């Protein structure tokens, strides 16, 4: 099949040929005589042909001898055989440089160490957004953004950061177990440093672990407030009554003076005082289990009898520590305590 452009040219040539032939025929019939425009302006009628000769009807035209070229009809759209023009792909401009502005304390090399975009690589907006997030996760900044400066040969990437202020003081409130100085020693963050929320979050976790390792499992960091350049940390150290209320609200039994708690540091008066207080504070909402174990069977019996008399719902006794005994001796130890108690005994 001939290209559409060739077929269109053949058709145009055919029509021009016919028009020229028709114009030539008209000139032959008129004899080439025309009235001038001056005669027409003087009122002389315009006469075609020779003067004095009556014009006859024009001869019939015979087009039978004119050669014609058959033209295929034009098709709409692109012919199937025509090659498809390849789509143009826009090449992203290369990165000419990557810099940081807005930082005064945090060095640029540390900031750019988390950036994955590289000089010479094509510009990638999604990658730059991820790079901004990575810079923010360093913890030193309250805001991170980037801007692009275009040139003919490529683009410059500039990350803009807003640094956190330098800390003037770290204050602790609500702490009675440890002093402020002891808590500050646990922290990596110190006055004079740029506040880093990642570092300080780890500091708070270490404070929590310190309390838990020393047996204060209910202690927690209740709140942190940054006022100006001072960081204020509020710690909650629940007292026995608060712990009992928390347990009661959860529907869990209360174990007081267990062997893994402070019982070993209490004398008998303090020990039994804690048991009696727990019974009153629980007020029947949940069971109270009193720890009365000892490596001295006689002493364990005394604590067990007193605890049951104070209203404990059960007692908890431990295997005698330090004093190694036989299996028969262990059975005798627990049996004597159970005989002295009028409440369930947990071993």
Protein backbone atom coordinates (compact mmCIF):
# COMPACT_ATOMS: atom_id res chain seq x y z
CA UNK A 1 0.00 0.00 0.00
CA UNK A 2 1.33 3.48 -0.95
CA UNK A 3 1.75 5.97 1.88
CA UNK A 4 -1.17 8.29 2.50
CA UNK A 5 0.98 11.34 1.77
CA UNK A 6 1.69 10.03 -1.82
CA UNK A 7 -1.98 9.35 -2.48
CA UNK A 8 -2.92 12.85 -1.35
CA UNK A 9 -0.33 14.38 -3.75
CA UNK A 10 -1.70 12.38 -6.71
CA UNK A 11 -5.23 13.58 -6.00
CA UNK A 12 -4.12 17.21 -5.78
CA UNK A 13 -2.23 16.96 -9.08
CA UNK A 14 -5.30 15.48 -10.82
CA UNK A 15 -7.57 18.34 -9.81
CA UNK A 16 -5.04 21.00 -10.83
CA UNK A 17 -4.76 19.34 -14.25
CA UNK A 18 -8.53 19.45 -14.75
CA UNK A 19 -8.82 23.10 -13.70
CA UNK A 20 -6.07 24.22 -16.11
CA UNK A 21 -7.69 22.35 -18.98
CA UNK A 22 -11.05 24.00 -18.30
CA UNK A 23 -9.47 27.47 -18.18
CA UNK A 24 -7.72 26.87 -21.52
CA UNK A 25 -11.00 25.81 -23.17
CA UNK A 26 -12.78 28.97 -21.99
CA UNK A 27 -10.04 31.17 -23.46
CA UNK A 28 -10.29 29.44 -26.85
CA UNK A 29 -14.06 29.95 -27.02
CA UNK A 30 -13.95 33.64 -26.21
CA UNK A 31 -11.29 34.32 -28.88
CA UNK A 32 -9.13 36.19 -26.45
CA UNK A 33 -11.05 39.52 -26.86
CA UNK A 34 -12.17 41.37 -23.74
CA UNK A 35 -13.46 44.85 -23.28
CA UNK A 36 -11.24 47.18 -21.34
CA UNK A 37 -12.18 48.57 -17.97
CA UNK A 38 -12.21 52.09 -19.50
CA UNK A 39 -14.98 51.15 -21.96
CA UNK A 40 -16.98 49.68 -19.17
CA UNK A 41 -16.69 52.90 -17.19
CA UNK A 42 -17.99 54.96 -20.25
CA UNK A 43 -21.18 52.98 -20.40
CA UNK A 44 -20.10 50.78 -23.29
CA UNK A 45 -21.38 47.28 -22.71
CA UNK A 46 -18.79 44.63 -22.12
CA UNK A 47 -18.76 42.17 -25.03
CA UNK A 48 -17.10 38.82 -25.02
CA UNK A 49 -15.81 37.39 -28.33
CA UNK A 50 -15.40 39.10 -31.77
CA UNK A 51 -17.54 42.27 -32.42
CA UNK A 52 -20.43 41.79 -34.78
CA UNK A 53 -20.43 38.08 -34.39
CA UNK A 54 -23.32 36.48 -32.57
CA UNK A 55 -22.10 34.21 -29.90
CA UNK A 56 -23.24 30.64 -30.21
CA UNK A 57 -23.49 27.99 -27.58
CA UNK A 58 -20.15 26.73 -26.33
CA UNK A 59 -19.00 23.43 -27.72
CA UNK A 60 -19.31 20.37 -25.62
CA UNK A 61 -16.12 19.40 -23.81
CA UNK A 62 -14.71 15.92 -24.23
CA UNK A 63 -12.68 14.67 -21.29
CA UNK A 64 -12.46 11.10 -22.53
CA UNK A 65 -8.86 11.49 -23.62
CA UNK A 66 -7.68 12.85 -20.28
CA UNK A 67 -5.66 10.28 -18.40
CA UNK A 68 -6.66 9.85 -14.81
CA UNK A 69 -4.89 8.13 -11.99
CA UNK A 70 -6.88 5.98 -9.62
CA UNK A 71 -6.44 7.17 -6.06
CA UNK A 72 -7.12 4.99 -3.09
CA UNK A 73 -9.43 6.50 -0.50
CA UNK A 74 -7.73 8.14 2.42
CA UNK A 75 -7.96 6.31 5.72
CA UNK A 76 -8.51 8.04 9.01
CA UNK A 77 -5.82 7.80 11.61
CA UNK A 78 -2.32 6.38 11.37
CA UNK A 79 -1.95 3.45 8.88
CA UNK A 80 -1.17 0.16 10.49
CA UNK A 81 2.08 -0.08 8.57
CA UNK A 82 3.28 3.36 9.68
CA UNK A 83 6.00 3.12 12.35
CA UNK A 84 5.08 4.33 15.86
CA UNK A 85 7.00 7.36 17.07
CA UNK A 86 8.87 6.51 20.31
CA UNK A 87 7.79 8.40 23.43
CA UNK A 88 10.11 11.03 24.77
CA UNK A 89 11.48 10.27 28.27
CA UNK A 90 12.36 13.25 30.45
CA UNK A 91 15.73 12.67 32.10
CA UNK A 92 15.90 13.87 35.72
CA UNK A 93 18.57 16.49 36.26
CA UNK A 94 21.68 15.28 38.09
CA UNK A 95 22.49 16.40 41.62
CA UNK A 96 25.42 18.80 41.57
CA UNK A 97 25.84 19.21 45.34
CA UNK A 98 24.21 18.33 48.69
CA UNK A 99 24.63 20.75 51.58
CA UNK A 100 23.05 21.64 54.93
CA UNK A 101 22.09 25.02 56.33
CA UNK A 102 20.66 26.11 59.68
CA UNK A 103 22.98 23.97 61.83
CA UNK A 104 25.40 25.63 64.21
CA UNK A 105 26.25 22.88 66.75
CA UNK A 106 25.62 19.64 64.86
CA UNK A 107 28.29 19.19 62.18
CA UNK A 108 27.17 18.81 58.56
CA UNK A 109 29.11 15.57 58.07
CA UNK A 110 27.11 13.89 60.83
CA UNK A 111 23.85 15.10 59.31
CA UNK A 112 24.75 14.01 55.77
CA UNK A 113 25.88 10.59 57.00
CA UNK A 114 22.24 9.43 57.01
CA UNK A 115 21.44 10.86 53.54
CA UNK A 116 21.15 8.25 50.77
CA UNK A 117 21.02 10.71 47.84
CA UNK A 118 24.39 11.15 46.15
CA UNK A 119 26.06 13.81 44.05
CA UNK A 120 25.88 12.86 40.36
CA UNK A 121 22.77 10.72 40.78
CA UNK A 122 19.47 11.74 39.12
CA UNK A 123 17.15 13.91 41.21
CA UNK A 124 14.61 11.79 43.14
CA UNK A 125 12.01 13.70 45.17
CA UNK A 126 10.85 10.59 47.04
CA UNK A 127 14.39 9.79 48.10
CA UNK A 128 14.95 13.37 49.27
CA UNK A 129 11.80 13.14 51.40
CA UNK A 130 13.09 9.95 53.02
CA UNK A 131 16.44 11.64 53.60
CA UNK A 132 14.66 14.49 55.41
CA UNK A 133 12.92 11.97 57.66
CA UNK A 134 16.23 10.25 58.44
CA UNK A 135 17.80 13.58 59.41
CA UNK A 136 14.84 14.33 61.69
CA UNK A 137 15.22 10.94 63.37
CA UNK A 138 18.72 11.94 64.49
CA UNK A 139 16.88 13.77 67.28
CA UNK A 140 18.75 17.09 67.21
CA UNK A 141 16.18 19.06 65.22
CA UNK A 142 12.65 20.36 65.66
CA UNK A 143 12.14 20.72 61.90
CA UNK A 144 13.82 19.45 58.72
CA UNK A 145 13.08 20.35 55.09
CA UNK A 146 14.91 20.67 51.78
CA UNK A 147 14.96 22.96 48.77
CA UNK A 148 16.31 22.62 45.25
CA UNK A 149 18.28 25.23 43.28
CA UNK A 150 18.21 24.46 39.55
CA UNK A 151 20.94 25.24 37.03
CA UNK A 152 21.36 24.37 33.36
CA UNK A 153 23.72 21.50 34.14
CA UNK A 154 21.79 20.12 37.13
CA UNK A 155 20.42 20.93 40.58
CA UNK A 156 21.77 21.73 44.04
CA UNK A 157 20.05 20.10 47.07
CA UNK A 158 20.04 22.07 50.33
CA UNK A 159 18.66 20.50 53.53
CA UNK A 160 17.41 23.13 55.99
CA UNK A 161 17.31 22.23 59.70
CA UNK A 162 16.16 23.91 62.91
CA UNK A 163 18.30 22.84 65.86
CA UNK A 164 16.92 22.17 69.34
CA UNK A 165 18.18 24.55 72.04
CA UNK A 166 21.07 23.78 74.37
CA UNK A 167 19.93 22.45 77.76
CA UNK A 168 20.55 24.73 80.73
CA UNK A 169 19.27 22.34 83.45
CA UNK A 170 17.62 18.95 84.05
CA UNK A 171 15.25 18.99 87.03
CA UNK A 172 13.57 15.99 88.69
CA UNK A 173 10.34 16.17 90.69
CA UNK A 174 8.59 13.51 92.80
CA UNK A 175 11.68 11.41 93.39
CA UNK A 176 12.33 10.27 96.96
CA UNK A 177 14.17 7.01 96.40
CA UNK A 178 17.09 8.61 94.55
CA UNK A 179 18.51 12.12 94.66
CA UNK A 180 18.57 14.40 91.64
CA UNK A 181 22.31 13.93 91.40
CA UNK A 182 21.94 10.15 91.31
CA UNK A 183 19.35 10.39 88.54
CA UNK A 184 21.48 12.82 86.51
CA UNK A 185 24.39 10.39 86.69
CA UNK A 186 22.20 7.80 84.96
CA UNK A 187 21.52 10.18 82.07
CA UNK A 188 23.74 10.63 79.04
CA UNK A 189 22.14 14.03 78.43
CA UNK A 190 23.78 16.76 80.49
CA UNK A 191 23.35 20.55 80.80
CA UNK A 192 25.11 22.42 78.02
CA UNK A 193 24.35 19.78 75.38
CA UNK A 194 21.98 20.24 72.44
CA UNK A 195 18.73 18.56 73.44
CA UNK A 196 18.33 15.27 71.59
CA UNK A 197 14.95 13.63 72.03
CA UNK A 198 16.34 10.19 71.03
CA UNK A 199 19.13 10.34 73.60
CA UNK A 200 16.79 11.63 76.30
CA UNK A 201 14.21 8.93 75.60
CA UNK A 202 16.95 6.38 76.26
CA UNK A 203 17.86 8.26 79.46
CA UNK A 204 14.29 7.93 80.73
CA UNK A 205 14.32 4.22 79.94
CA UNK A 206 17.50 3.79 82.01
CA UNK A 207 15.87 5.61 84.94
CA UNK A 208 12.87 3.27 84.74
CA UNK A 209 15.14 0.22 84.64
CA UNK A 210 17.05 1.50 87.68
CA UNK A 211 13.84 1.65 89.72
CA UNK A 212 12.76 -1.81 88.53
CA UNK A 213 16.12 -3.42 89.25
CA UNK A 214 15.95 -2.10 92.81
CA UNK A 215 12.44 -3.49 93.29
CA UNK A 216 10.36 -0.37 92.62
CA UNK A 217 8.37 -1.89 89.81
CA UNK A 218 5.51 0.60 90.09
CA UNK A 219 7.71 3.70 89.76
CA UNK A 220 7.47 5.46 86.41
CA UNK A 221 8.26 8.71 84.61
CA UNK A 222 4.88 10.44 84.61
CA UNK A 223 5.71 13.45 82.42
CA UNK A 224 8.48 15.48 80.78
CA UNK A 225 8.16 19.19 80.13
CA UNK A 226 10.60 21.47 78.34
CA UNK A 227 10.27 25.01 79.64
CA UNK A 228 12.63 27.33 77.80
CA UNK A 229 15.98 25.60 77.96
CA UNK A 230 15.20 23.59 81.13
CA UNK A 231 14.01 19.97 81.03
CA UNK A 232 11.69 19.02 83.89
CA UNK A 233 11.12 15.33 84.62
CA UNK A 234 8.19 14.28 86.85
CA UNK A 235 8.51 10.88 88.53
CA UNK A 236 5.76 8.96 90.28
CA UNK A 237 6.82 6.66 93.11
CA UNK A 238 3.61 4.95 94.20
CA UNK A 239 3.18 4.31 97.93
CA UNK A 240 1.80 1.08 99.35
CA UNK A 241 -1.77 2.39 99.41
CA UNK A 242 -1.60 3.45 95.75
CA UNK A 243 -0.23 0.04 94.77
CA UNK A 244 -3.05 -1.73 96.60
CA UNK A 245 -5.65 0.48 94.91
CA UNK A 246 -4.13 -0.24 91.51
CA UNK A 247 -4.22 -3.97 92.19
CA UNK A 248 -7.81 -3.78 93.43
CA UNK A 249 -8.91 -1.89 90.32
CA UNK A 250 -7.37 -4.62 88.20
CA UNK A 251 -9.00 -7.37 90.29
CA UNK A 252 -5.62 -8.84 91.27
CA UNK A 253 -4.63 -10.12 94.69
CA UNK A 254 -2.14 -8.17 96.80
CA UNK A 255 1.06 -9.81 98.05
CA UNK A 256 2.64 -7.80 100.85
CA UNK A 257 6.08 -8.39 102.38
CA UNK A 258 7.07 -11.07 99.92
CA UNK A 259 10.58 -12.50 100.08
CA UNK A 260 11.63 -10.56 96.92
CA UNK A 261 10.44 -7.23 98.35
CA UNK A 262 11.52 -5.14 101.33
CA UNK A 263 10.54 -7.75 103.95
CA UNK A 264 14.14 -8.63 104.77
CA UNK A 265 14.83 -5.01 105.76
CA UNK A 266 11.80 -4.70 108.07
CA UNK A 267 11.63 -5.61 111.73
CA UNK A 268 8.63 -7.58 112.99
CA UNK A 269 6.68 -4.47 113.99
CA UNK A 270 7.13 -2.87 110.57
CA UNK A 271 6.44 -6.18 108.86
CA UNK A 272 3.13 -6.82 110.62
CA UNK A 273 2.24 -3.13 110.33
CA UNK A 274 2.44 -3.38 106.55
CA UNK A 275 0.26 -6.50 106.59
CA UNK A 276 -2.38 -4.87 108.75
CA UNK A 277 -2.40 -1.72 106.60
CA UNK A 278 -2.80 -3.77 103.40
CA UNK A 279 -5.79 -5.65 104.87
CA UNK A 280 -7.51 -2.38 105.82
CA UNK A 281 -6.74 -0.65 102.51
CA UNK A 282 -7.93 -3.59 100.41
CA UNK A 283 -11.13 -3.70 102.48
CA UNK A 284 -12.19 -7.04 101.05
CA UNK A 285 -11.97 -5.88 97.43
CA UNK A 286 -9.21 -8.40 96.64
CA UNK A 287 -7.43 -11.08 98.66
CA UNK A 288 -4.36 -10.07 100.68
CA UNK A 289 -1.54 -12.60 100.82
CA UNK A 290 1.03 -11.93 103.56
CA UNK A 291 4.62 -13.06 103.25
CA UNK A 292 5.61 -14.81 106.50
CA UNK A 293 8.52 -17.01 105.37
CA UNK A 294 11.80 -17.31 107.24
CA UNK A 295 14.75 -19.66 107.48
CA UNK A 296 13.83 -19.91 111.18
CA UNK A 297 10.79 -22.18 111.54
CA UNK A 298 9.89 -20.69 114.96
CA UNK A 299 10.03 -17.14 113.56
CA UNK A 300 7.95 -18.13 110.52
CA UNK A 301 5.27 -19.58 112.81
CA UNK A 302 5.10 -16.35 114.82
CA UNK A 303 4.71 -14.16 111.71
CA UNK A 304 2.14 -16.54 110.24
CA UNK A 305 -0.01 -16.54 113.39
CA UNK A 306 0.07 -12.74 113.65
CA UNK A 307 -0.70 -12.21 109.95
CA UNK A 308 -3.70 -14.51 110.09
CA UNK A 309 -4.93 -12.65 113.14
CA UNK A 310 -4.66 -9.32 111.26
CA UNK A 311 -7.03 -10.61 108.59
CA UNK A 312 -4.73 -11.82 105.85
CA UNK A 313 -6.53 -14.15 103.44
CA UNK A 314 -3.49 -16.41 102.97
CA UNK A 315 0.23 -16.59 103.79
CA UNK A 316 3.24 -17.08 101.57
CA UNK A 317 6.23 -19.01 102.93
CA UNK A 318 9.61 -19.59 101.32
CA UNK A 319 12.04 -22.47 101.39
CA UNK A 320 14.53 -21.86 104.23
CA UNK A 321 17.47 -19.91 102.82
CA UNK A 322 21.11 -20.44 103.80
CA UNK A 323 20.22 -23.31 106.15
CA UNK A 324 20.58 -26.49 104.12
CA UNK A 325 18.31 -29.28 105.32
CA UNK A 326 17.10 -32.70 104.25
CA UNK A 327 13.90 -33.38 102.36
CA UNK A 328 12.36 -34.62 105.59
CA UNK A 329 13.39 -31.38 107.25
CA UNK A 330 11.64 -29.34 104.54
CA UNK A 331 8.45 -31.32 105.02
CA UNK A 332 8.58 -30.74 108.79
CA UNK A 333 9.23 -27.00 108.28
CA UNK A 334 6.18 -26.45 106.06
CA UNK A 335 3.98 -28.79 108.08
CA UNK A 336 4.61 -26.92 111.34
CA UNK A 337 3.78 -23.56 109.71
CA UNK A 338 0.61 -24.99 108.14
CA UNK A 339 -0.54 -26.36 111.51
CA UNK A 340 -0.15 -22.91 113.06
CA UNK A 341 -2.13 -21.15 110.30
CA UNK A 342 -5.87 -21.07 109.93
CA UNK A 343 -5.58 -19.74 106.34
CA UNK A 344 -4.22 -21.28 103.11
CA UNK A 345 -0.42 -21.54 102.91
CA UNK A 346 1.31 -20.89 99.59
CA UNK A 347 4.80 -22.30 99.16
